[in-house]
Protein backbone atom coordinates (compact mmCIF):
# COMPACT_ATOMS: atom_id res chain seq x y z
CA UNK A 1 -121.27 25.22 -102.19
CA UNK A 2 -117.91 25.80 -103.86
CA UNK A 3 -114.22 25.35 -103.09
CA UNK A 4 -113.89 28.98 -102.01
CA UNK A 5 -116.67 28.45 -99.44
CA UNK A 6 -114.95 25.59 -97.60
CA UNK A 7 -111.21 25.94 -98.33
CA UNK A 8 -108.61 26.59 -95.64
CA UNK A 9 -106.44 29.68 -96.04
CA UNK A 10 -103.64 30.61 -95.68
CA UNK A 11 -101.83 27.35 -96.45
CA UNK A 12 -98.72 25.99 -94.76
CA UNK A 13 -95.75 25.63 -97.09
CA UNK A 14 -92.19 24.28 -97.19
CA UNK A 15 -89.43 24.43 -99.79
CA UNK A 16 -88.14 21.41 -101.78
CA UNK A 17 -84.78 21.60 -99.99
CA UNK A 18 -86.34 21.64 -96.52
CA UNK A 19 -86.06 18.41 -94.55
CA UNK A 20 -88.91 15.98 -94.11
CA UNK A 21 -88.48 16.54 -90.38
CA UNK A 22 -89.35 20.21 -90.90
CA UNK A 23 -92.44 19.31 -92.95
CA UNK A 24 -93.50 16.76 -90.34
CA UNK A 25 -93.06 19.33 -87.56
CA UNK A 26 -95.29 21.75 -89.48
CA UNK A 27 -97.98 19.07 -89.66
CA UNK A 28 -97.74 18.36 -85.94
CA UNK A 29 -97.60 22.01 -84.90
CA UNK A 30 -100.56 23.10 -87.00
CA UNK A 31 -102.51 19.81 -86.69
CA UNK A 32 -102.67 19.29 -90.44
CA UNK A 33 -102.05 16.31 -92.69
CA UNK A 34 -100.21 17.94 -95.59
CA UNK A 35 -98.10 20.93 -96.56
CA UNK A 36 -97.55 22.46 -99.99
CA UNK A 37 -94.07 22.58 -101.46
CA UNK A 38 -93.34 25.95 -103.02
CA UNK A 39 -90.45 27.20 -105.15
CA UNK A 40 -90.92 30.91 -104.72
CA UNK A 41 -94.47 31.57 -105.95
CA UNK A 42 -94.65 28.31 -107.95
CA UNK A 43 -96.42 25.25 -106.60
CA UNK A 44 -93.84 22.47 -106.92
CA UNK A 45 -95.55 19.66 -105.03
CA UNK A 46 -97.31 18.45 -101.93
CA UNK A 47 -96.19 16.19 -99.09
CA UNK A 48 -98.63 14.40 -96.80
CA UNK A 49 -98.53 12.29 -93.68
CA UNK A 50 -99.34 9.31 -95.93
CA UNK A 51 -96.01 9.89 -97.68
CA UNK A 52 -94.37 9.59 -94.26
CA UNK A 53 -96.47 6.65 -93.06
CA UNK A 54 -95.36 4.23 -95.76
CA UNK A 55 -91.66 4.89 -95.11
CA UNK A 56 -91.70 2.65 -92.03
CA UNK A 57 -91.06 -0.57 -93.95
CA UNK A 58 -87.69 -2.05 -93.01
CA UNK A 59 -87.23 -3.55 -96.46
CA UNK A 60 -87.53 -0.23 -98.31
CA UNK A 61 -84.42 1.19 -100.02
CA UNK A 62 -81.82 2.51 -97.61
CA UNK A 63 -82.45 6.17 -98.48
CA UNK A 64 -85.94 5.81 -97.08
CA UNK A 65 -84.52 4.59 -93.78
CA UNK A 66 -82.00 7.36 -93.20
CA UNK A 67 -82.59 9.59 -90.19
CA UNK A 68 -85.57 11.74 -91.05
CA UNK A 69 -83.72 15.05 -90.70
CA UNK A 70 -81.43 14.11 -93.60
CA UNK A 71 -84.16 13.48 -96.20
CA UNK A 72 -85.16 16.50 -98.35
CA UNK A 73 -88.85 17.09 -99.01
CA UNK A 74 -88.22 16.85 -102.77
CA UNK A 75 -87.56 13.08 -102.44
CA UNK A 76 -90.93 12.25 -100.89
CA UNK A 77 -93.29 14.92 -102.27
CA UNK A 78 -95.83 14.41 -105.05
CA UNK A 79 -94.76 16.82 -107.82
CA UNK A 80 -97.21 18.92 -109.86
CA UNK A 81 -100.29 18.07 -107.74
CA UNK A 82 -103.85 18.34 -108.99
CA UNK A 83 -105.35 21.82 -108.44
CA UNK A 84 -108.84 23.31 -108.73
CA UNK A 85 -110.22 26.81 -109.10
CA UNK A 86 -112.35 28.56 -106.44
CA UNK A 87 -115.58 27.89 -108.36
CA UNK A 88 -115.30 24.09 -108.23
CA UNK A 89 -118.37 22.53 -106.58
CA UNK A 90 -118.17 20.36 -103.45
CA UNK A 91 -119.66 17.49 -105.43
CA UNK A 92 -116.87 17.71 -108.01
CA UNK A 93 -114.25 18.07 -105.27
CA UNK A 94 -115.49 14.88 -103.56
CA UNK A 95 -115.48 13.01 -106.88
CA UNK A 96 -111.93 14.16 -107.68
CA UNK A 97 -110.61 13.12 -104.28
CA UNK A 98 -112.14 9.66 -104.60
CA UNK A 99 -111.04 9.20 -108.21
CA UNK A 100 -107.45 10.33 -107.62
CA UNK A 101 -107.26 8.77 -104.13
CA UNK A 102 -106.11 12.03 -102.55
CA UNK A 103 -107.31 13.87 -99.45
CA UNK A 104 -106.44 17.47 -100.24
CA UNK A 105 -106.48 19.71 -103.32
CA UNK A 106 -104.84 23.16 -103.59
CA UNK A 107 -107.08 25.96 -104.81
CA UNK A 108 -105.43 28.16 -107.44
CA UNK A 109 -106.75 31.43 -108.85
CA UNK A 110 -104.91 33.01 -111.81
CA UNK A 111 -101.78 31.02 -110.99
CA UNK A 112 -101.79 31.98 -107.30
CA UNK A 113 -102.40 29.47 -104.51
CA UNK A 114 -105.28 30.90 -102.48
CA UNK A 115 -106.16 27.95 -100.27
CA UNK A 116 -106.58 24.20 -99.98
CA UNK A 117 -109.65 21.97 -99.66
CA UNK A 118 -109.37 18.75 -97.67
CA UNK A 119 -111.76 15.92 -96.96
CA UNK A 120 -112.15 17.34 -93.46
CA UNK A 121 -113.20 20.70 -94.90
CA UNK A 122 -115.92 18.95 -96.90
CA UNK A 123 -117.10 17.04 -93.81
CA UNK A 124 -117.47 20.32 -91.94
CA UNK A 125 -119.68 21.83 -94.66
CA UNK A 126 -123.32 22.40 -93.81
CA UNK A 127 -124.65 20.23 -96.65
CA UNK A 128 -122.72 17.15 -95.50
CA UNK A 129 -123.81 17.51 -91.90
CA UNK A 130 -127.43 17.14 -93.03
CA UNK A 131 -127.03 13.61 -94.42
CA UNK A 132 -129.74 11.50 -92.82
CA UNK A 133 -129.06 8.12 -94.44
CA UNK A 134 -128.42 5.22 -92.02
CA UNK A 135 -124.75 4.68 -91.25
CA UNK A 136 -125.14 0.97 -92.05
CA UNK A 137 -125.74 1.85 -95.72
CA UNK A 138 -122.34 3.54 -95.90
CA UNK A 139 -120.12 1.39 -93.69
CA UNK A 140 -117.64 -1.15 -95.02
CA UNK A 141 -116.10 -4.28 -93.58
CA UNK A 142 -113.44 -3.59 -90.96
CA UNK A 143 -109.94 -4.88 -91.70
CA UNK A 144 -108.50 -6.26 -88.47
CA UNK A 145 -105.02 -6.99 -87.20
CA UNK A 146 -103.81 -8.64 -84.01
CA UNK A 147 -102.38 -6.31 -81.41
CA UNK A 148 -99.16 -8.37 -81.58
CA UNK A 149 -98.55 -8.18 -85.34
CA UNK A 150 -95.27 -6.54 -86.36
CA UNK A 151 -95.10 -3.00 -87.69
CA UNK A 152 -93.91 -4.32 -91.06
CA UNK A 153 -97.06 -6.45 -91.34
CA UNK A 154 -99.21 -3.52 -90.23
CA UNK A 155 -97.77 -1.19 -92.91
CA UNK A 156 -98.19 -3.83 -95.63
CA UNK A 157 -101.80 -4.53 -94.65
CA UNK A 158 -102.48 -0.82 -94.23
CA UNK A 159 -101.32 -0.18 -97.79
CA UNK A 160 -103.33 -3.08 -99.23
CA UNK A 161 -106.54 -2.13 -97.43
CA UNK A 162 -106.39 1.59 -98.16
CA UNK A 163 -105.91 2.62 -94.54
CA UNK A 164 -107.56 2.26 -91.12
CA UNK A 165 -106.83 -1.01 -89.37
CA UNK A 166 -108.88 -2.21 -86.43
CA UNK A 167 -106.68 -3.78 -83.75
CA UNK A 168 -108.31 -6.68 -81.94
CA UNK A 169 -107.58 -8.77 -78.86
CA UNK A 170 -107.26 -12.54 -79.02
CA UNK A 171 -111.00 -12.89 -78.42
CA UNK A 172 -111.86 -10.58 -81.34
CA UNK A 173 -112.89 -7.63 -79.19
CA UNK A 174 -111.87 -4.08 -80.04
CA UNK A 175 -108.43 -3.02 -78.78
CA UNK A 176 -107.61 0.04 -80.87
CA UNK A 177 -107.31 1.58 -84.32
CA UNK A 178 -104.33 2.41 -86.52
CA UNK A 179 -104.49 5.40 -88.85
CA UNK A 180 -102.11 7.26 -91.13
CA UNK A 181 -101.31 9.61 -88.27
CA UNK A 182 -100.21 6.74 -86.03
CA UNK A 183 -97.83 5.44 -88.69
CA UNK A 184 -96.62 8.79 -89.99
CA UNK A 185 -95.56 10.19 -86.64
CA UNK A 186 -94.68 7.10 -84.59
CA UNK A 187 -91.03 6.71 -85.56
CA UNK A 188 -90.20 10.28 -84.67
CA UNK A 189 -90.80 9.64 -81.00
CA UNK A 190 -87.26 8.30 -80.94
CA UNK A 191 -84.54 10.91 -80.58
CA UNK A 192 -82.20 8.77 -82.71
CA UNK A 193 -84.45 9.49 -85.68
CA UNK A 194 -84.32 6.01 -87.20
CA UNK A 195 -86.72 3.10 -87.44
CA UNK A 196 -87.42 1.74 -83.95
CA UNK A 197 -86.51 -1.91 -83.56
CA UNK A 198 -86.62 -4.11 -80.50
CA UNK A 199 -86.51 -7.71 -79.50
CA UNK A 200 -90.00 -8.21 -78.11
CA UNK A 201 -90.18 -10.76 -75.32
CA UNK A 202 -92.57 -9.80 -72.59
CA UNK A 203 -95.83 -10.41 -70.83
CA UNK A 204 -98.69 -8.42 -72.30
CA UNK A 205 -102.12 -7.79 -70.86
CA UNK A 206 -105.24 -8.09 -72.99
CA UNK A 207 -106.70 -5.14 -71.08
CA UNK A 208 -105.44 -3.00 -68.25
CA UNK A 209 -105.73 -5.06 -65.11
CA UNK A 210 -106.60 -8.10 -67.21
CA UNK A 211 -105.01 -11.48 -67.65
CA UNK A 212 -101.43 -11.59 -68.94
CA UNK A 213 -100.43 -13.70 -71.94
CA UNK A 214 -96.89 -14.57 -73.06
CA UNK A 215 -95.80 -13.40 -76.49
CA UNK A 216 -92.42 -13.49 -78.24
CA UNK A 217 -91.57 -11.75 -81.50
CA UNK A 218 -87.93 -11.55 -82.49
CA UNK A 219 -86.46 -8.31 -83.84
CA UNK A 220 -89.78 -6.69 -84.73
CA UNK A 221 -90.02 -3.00 -85.54
CA UNK A 222 -92.54 -2.60 -82.73
CA UNK A 223 -96.01 -4.15 -82.90
CA UNK A 224 -99.55 -3.01 -83.61
CA UNK A 225 -100.45 -2.19 -80.02
CA UNK A 226 -97.44 0.14 -79.79
CA UNK A 227 -98.79 2.46 -82.51
CA UNK A 228 -102.57 2.11 -82.15
CA UNK A 229 -104.94 4.72 -80.76
CA UNK A 230 -107.25 3.66 -77.95
CA UNK A 231 -109.93 3.92 -76.75
CA UNK A 232 -111.77 3.98 -80.10
CA UNK A 233 -114.78 6.15 -80.94
CA UNK A 234 -117.68 3.83 -81.78
CA UNK A 235 -121.31 4.19 -82.82
CA UNK A 236 -124.23 1.81 -82.88
CA UNK A 237 -125.78 0.70 -86.21
CA UNK A 238 -128.82 2.95 -85.72
CA UNK A 239 -126.64 6.07 -86.00
CA UNK A 240 -127.29 8.40 -88.96
CA UNK A 241 -124.56 9.49 -91.36
CA UNK A 242 -124.92 13.06 -90.09
CA UNK A 243 -124.34 11.91 -86.51
CA UNK A 244 -121.28 9.91 -87.60
CA UNK A 245 -119.90 12.98 -89.38
CA UNK A 246 -120.43 15.04 -86.22
CA UNK A 247 -118.45 12.45 -84.25
CA UNK A 248 -115.59 12.70 -86.75
CA UNK A 249 -115.57 16.49 -86.61
CA UNK A 250 -115.91 16.72 -82.83
CA UNK A 251 -113.19 14.13 -82.15
CA UNK A 252 -110.91 15.21 -85.04
CA UNK A 253 -110.93 11.69 -86.50
CA UNK A 254 -111.47 10.26 -89.98
CA UNK A 255 -113.53 7.18 -89.18
CA UNK A 256 -116.00 5.71 -86.72
CA UNK A 257 -116.20 2.03 -85.82
CA UNK A 258 -119.74 0.64 -85.89
CA UNK A 259 -120.33 -1.86 -83.11
CA UNK A 260 -123.13 -3.52 -81.19
CA UNK A 261 -121.85 -4.27 -77.74
CA UNK A 262 -118.52 -6.06 -78.15
CA UNK A 263 -119.28 -7.11 -81.74
CA UNK A 264 -117.50 -5.11 -84.47
CA UNK A 265 -119.93 -4.65 -87.39
CA UNK A 266 -117.93 -2.40 -89.69
CA UNK A 267 -116.35 1.01 -90.09
CA UNK A 268 -117.45 4.30 -91.65
CA UNK A 269 -114.65 6.39 -93.14
CA UNK A 270 -114.52 9.85 -94.64
CA UNK A 271 -114.43 8.29 -98.10
CA UNK A 272 -117.75 6.57 -97.44
CA UNK A 273 -119.25 9.98 -96.68
CA UNK A 274 -117.61 11.54 -99.74
CA UNK A 275 -119.08 8.81 -101.95
CA UNK A 276 -122.50 9.93 -100.82
CA UNK A 277 -121.63 13.58 -101.51
CA UNK A 278 -120.29 12.77 -104.98
CA UNK A 279 -123.52 11.08 -106.12
């Protein structure tokens, strides 16, 4: 299969002078993770939800912490992005995404943008959905964070680990998961448009209806449990890669936590699947 067989078209675009808020709204409205930045018919760059996710650090330069509607796309976009032609094979696409650490590649034919291929497009391809290797051969160790860790700590750890943090309760059981989407879109829930900060001093329950435990964190930009997604889609270690891919596609997620009962064994991400495709 080739790029033209799996690419999405038409593509969503913004202009360099458009605000990041506009680009973010396009992502939310169309349920996508990136938009192309076009100057007329010329591809100028690409902006992704990852670009938005890492702007939550309080200690970043002040321009990164201005209200989102005042930041032009040109400041956060990746200029001159990698492109491929329609004849590029899925195997080569997977290898490029892993090598360049990107999740979407515009498809260009004779200088014209004709589509875009994402990791999700590759997962939905027929060849990938036939992978019958055990999921345990592809999974990696899960990086965990306490549900009470600050958002600053979460973003730092997220960046170091390459994404996907498993949020755990005090007893090590699964509480939730934090993805790029959680970080990229969380701050915009506030009408003020800035980084949410609060003095956290409250009773928190380990589970709904469960025992309360006292926790105090001073002037934290929210905590892990405020941004996590829960419940989490899990699979047992006997699951095949094809079944894990189907879970990702059906639930519109990029990873599946592998667990046996309450024990977290690991996590399978899209990149683990792409590594198998790129072989």
